[in-house]
Protein backbone atom coordinates (compact mmCIF):
# COMPACT_ATOMS: atom_id res chain seq x y z
CA UNK A 1 256.58 74.71 283.32
CA UNK A 2 255.34 77.78 281.51
CA UNK A 3 257.13 78.43 278.30
CA UNK A 4 257.10 77.83 274.63
CA UNK A 5 258.30 75.21 272.20
CA UNK A 6 261.18 76.52 270.14
CA UNK A 7 262.54 74.81 267.05
CA UNK A 8 266.18 75.30 266.05
CA UNK A 9 268.62 73.31 263.95
CA UNK A 10 271.41 72.39 266.35
CA UNK A 11 274.59 71.00 264.83
CA UNK A 12 272.64 69.92 261.77
CA UNK A 13 269.75 68.26 263.63
CA UNK A 14 266.37 69.91 263.99
CA UNK A 15 265.31 70.07 267.62
CA UNK A 16 262.16 71.21 269.34
CA UNK A 17 262.54 72.18 272.97
CA UNK A 18 260.19 73.52 275.61
CA UNK A 19 261.90 76.52 277.18
CA UNK A 20 260.95 78.89 279.95
CA UNK A 21 260.69 82.55 278.96
CA UNK A 22 264.12 84.19 278.91
CA UNK A 23 266.08 80.93 278.71
CA UNK A 24 269.39 81.75 277.10
CA UNK A 25 270.94 79.77 274.29
CA UNK A 26 273.83 78.99 276.65
CA UNK A 27 271.45 77.40 279.18
CA UNK A 28 269.68 75.47 276.43
CA UNK A 29 272.98 74.08 275.14
CA UNK A 30 274.49 73.18 278.49
CA UNK A 31 271.47 72.28 280.62
CA UNK A 32 268.99 70.86 278.11
CA UNK A 33 271.24 69.48 275.35
CA UNK A 34 274.30 68.47 277.46
CA UNK A 35 276.62 70.32 275.05
CA UNK A 36 279.21 71.59 277.48
CA UNK A 37 281.87 72.61 274.96
CA UNK A 38 280.25 76.03 274.95
CA UNK A 39 281.67 77.51 278.13
CA UNK A 40 279.92 79.52 280.80
CA UNK A 41 282.22 82.38 281.70
CA UNK A 42 280.92 85.79 282.66
CA UNK A 43 277.22 85.40 281.69
CA UNK A 44 277.40 89.08 280.65
CA UNK A 45 278.75 88.96 277.10
CA UNK A 46 282.20 90.17 278.09
CA UNK A 47 284.46 87.12 277.81
CA UNK A 48 283.49 85.34 274.58
CA UNK A 49 283.84 81.85 276.02
CA UNK A 50 280.24 81.06 275.01
CA UNK A 51 280.71 81.96 271.32
CA UNK A 52 278.69 79.80 268.91
CA UNK A 53 277.56 80.30 265.33
CA UNK A 54 273.95 81.34 264.76
CA UNK A 55 273.08 81.24 261.08
CA UNK A 56 276.82 81.26 260.39
CA UNK A 57 277.65 84.33 262.47
CA UNK A 58 279.62 84.31 265.72
CA UNK A 59 277.28 85.16 268.61
CA UNK A 60 277.48 85.10 272.40
CA UNK A 61 275.15 82.36 273.61
CA UNK A 62 274.83 83.86 277.10
CA UNK A 63 273.06 86.92 275.68
CA UNK A 64 270.58 85.25 273.33
CA UNK A 65 267.09 84.37 274.55
CA UNK A 66 266.24 81.11 272.77
CA UNK A 67 262.81 82.31 271.66
CA UNK A 68 264.50 85.05 269.58
CA UNK A 69 266.33 82.54 267.38
CA UNK A 70 263.48 80.17 266.56
CA UNK A 71 264.11 78.61 263.16
CA UNK A 72 267.82 79.42 263.23
CA UNK A 73 270.82 77.16 262.64
CA UNK A 74 273.12 76.91 265.66
CA UNK A 75 276.56 75.34 265.50
CA UNK A 76 278.71 74.55 268.53
CA UNK A 77 282.29 73.35 268.88
CA UNK A 78 281.00 69.78 269.25
CA UNK A 79 280.07 69.86 265.57
CA UNK A 80 283.57 70.52 264.25
CA UNK A 81 285.45 67.22 264.50
CA UNK A 82 284.33 64.77 261.83
CA UNK A 83 284.89 61.01 262.03
CA UNK A 84 287.34 61.48 264.91
CA UNK A 85 289.40 63.92 262.80
CA UNK A 86 289.93 67.38 264.22
CA UNK A 87 288.70 70.33 262.20
CA UNK A 88 291.66 72.27 260.70
CA UNK A 89 291.11 75.04 263.26
CA UNK A 90 291.26 72.56 266.13
CA UNK A 91 294.34 70.89 264.65
CA UNK A 92 296.07 74.26 264.16
CA UNK A 93 295.37 75.19 267.79
CA UNK A 94 296.97 71.92 268.92
CA UNK A 95 299.98 72.21 266.61
CA UNK A 96 300.48 75.91 267.34
CA UNK A 97 300.28 75.54 271.13
CA UNK A 98 297.35 77.95 271.11
CA UNK A 99 295.79 76.45 274.22
CA UNK A 100 296.95 76.54 277.77
CA UNK A 101 294.14 76.23 280.28
CA UNK A 102 291.73 75.69 277.36
CA UNK A 103 288.80 77.56 278.85
CA UNK A 104 288.60 80.14 276.06
CA UNK A 105 289.48 77.72 273.27
CA UNK A 106 286.02 76.70 272.08
CA UNK A 107 284.86 80.32 271.93
CA UNK A 108 288.03 81.36 270.08
CA UNK A 109 287.64 78.52 267.60
CA UNK A 110 284.00 79.31 266.92
CA UNK A 111 284.77 83.03 266.47
CA UNK A 112 287.53 82.02 264.04
CA UNK A 113 285.21 79.64 262.18
CA UNK A 114 282.70 82.46 261.79
CA UNK A 115 285.44 84.65 260.32
CA UNK A 116 286.80 81.97 257.96
CA UNK A 117 283.33 81.19 256.63
CA UNK A 118 283.08 84.73 255.20
CA UNK A 119 286.79 85.49 254.74
CA UNK A 120 288.83 82.34 254.04
CA UNK A 121 292.09 84.28 253.67
CA UNK A 122 292.01 86.84 256.49
CA UNK A 123 294.79 89.24 257.34
CA UNK A 124 296.30 89.30 260.82
CA UNK A 125 294.21 92.42 261.53
CA UNK A 126 291.04 90.59 260.41
CA UNK A 127 291.77 87.74 262.83
CA UNK A 128 292.49 90.12 265.70
CA UNK A 129 289.23 91.95 265.03
CA UNK A 130 287.26 88.67 264.83
CA UNK A 131 288.50 87.42 268.21
CA UNK A 132 288.51 90.82 269.92
CA UNK A 133 285.46 89.86 272.00
CA UNK A 134 287.16 86.71 273.32
CA UNK A 135 289.26 86.96 276.47
CA UNK A 136 292.26 84.72 277.06
CA UNK A 137 294.31 85.15 280.18
CA UNK A 138 296.93 82.48 279.44
CA UNK A 139 298.38 82.60 275.92
CA UNK A 140 298.96 86.26 275.15
CA UNK A 141 296.92 85.85 271.93
CA UNK A 142 299.89 85.56 269.51
CA UNK A 143 299.73 81.77 269.33
CA UNK A 144 295.95 81.95 268.85
CA UNK A 145 296.21 84.45 265.98
CA UNK A 146 299.02 82.40 264.41
CA UNK A 147 296.95 79.20 264.70
CA UNK A 148 293.95 80.80 263.01
CA UNK A 149 296.14 82.09 260.18
CA UNK A 150 297.76 78.65 259.83
CA UNK A 151 294.34 77.01 259.66
CA UNK A 152 293.22 79.50 257.02
CA UNK A 153 296.32 78.76 254.96
CA UNK A 154 295.77 75.01 255.32
CA UNK A 155 292.02 74.78 254.81
CA UNK A 156 291.30 72.28 252.07
CA UNK A 157 294.59 70.45 252.52
CA UNK A 158 295.51 68.17 255.40
CA UNK A 159 297.54 69.64 258.24
CA UNK A 160 300.38 67.58 259.60
CA UNK A 161 299.44 65.29 262.45
CA UNK A 162 300.79 65.87 265.93
CA UNK A 163 303.06 63.20 267.35
């Protein structure tokens, strides 16, 4: 295979991967790293289901050629739960009934995590702006926005456990 070796830090682990020219970050994650939490939706940057963090910023993995992010830190939804404990965003989505089919959930959560890393106490408008590139056809968005705000309010203190 023609290509190049690209080094990225993926979920805290440095990885070197041989990739063909033009391989997207989404293909690298799903096909080469078996990280399927990052969803393949439109493959055109329109739905947000492939949102990951690249150097702490929410990005659409389907639009990023891997060779353009060599040396970057990439975080996927698989990196959020720690020791079988959900991340506060994940827990808030569960408790707030912010998932229905679940297809958009990982992209929404990663967009929210990107927001909360730079703005730990966002307004409702901030949250809406942060997830504006993520399409959900099931929930109507209100429960998602409420869950993100609840997570922001609860970050640093344990959220109640679901029954």
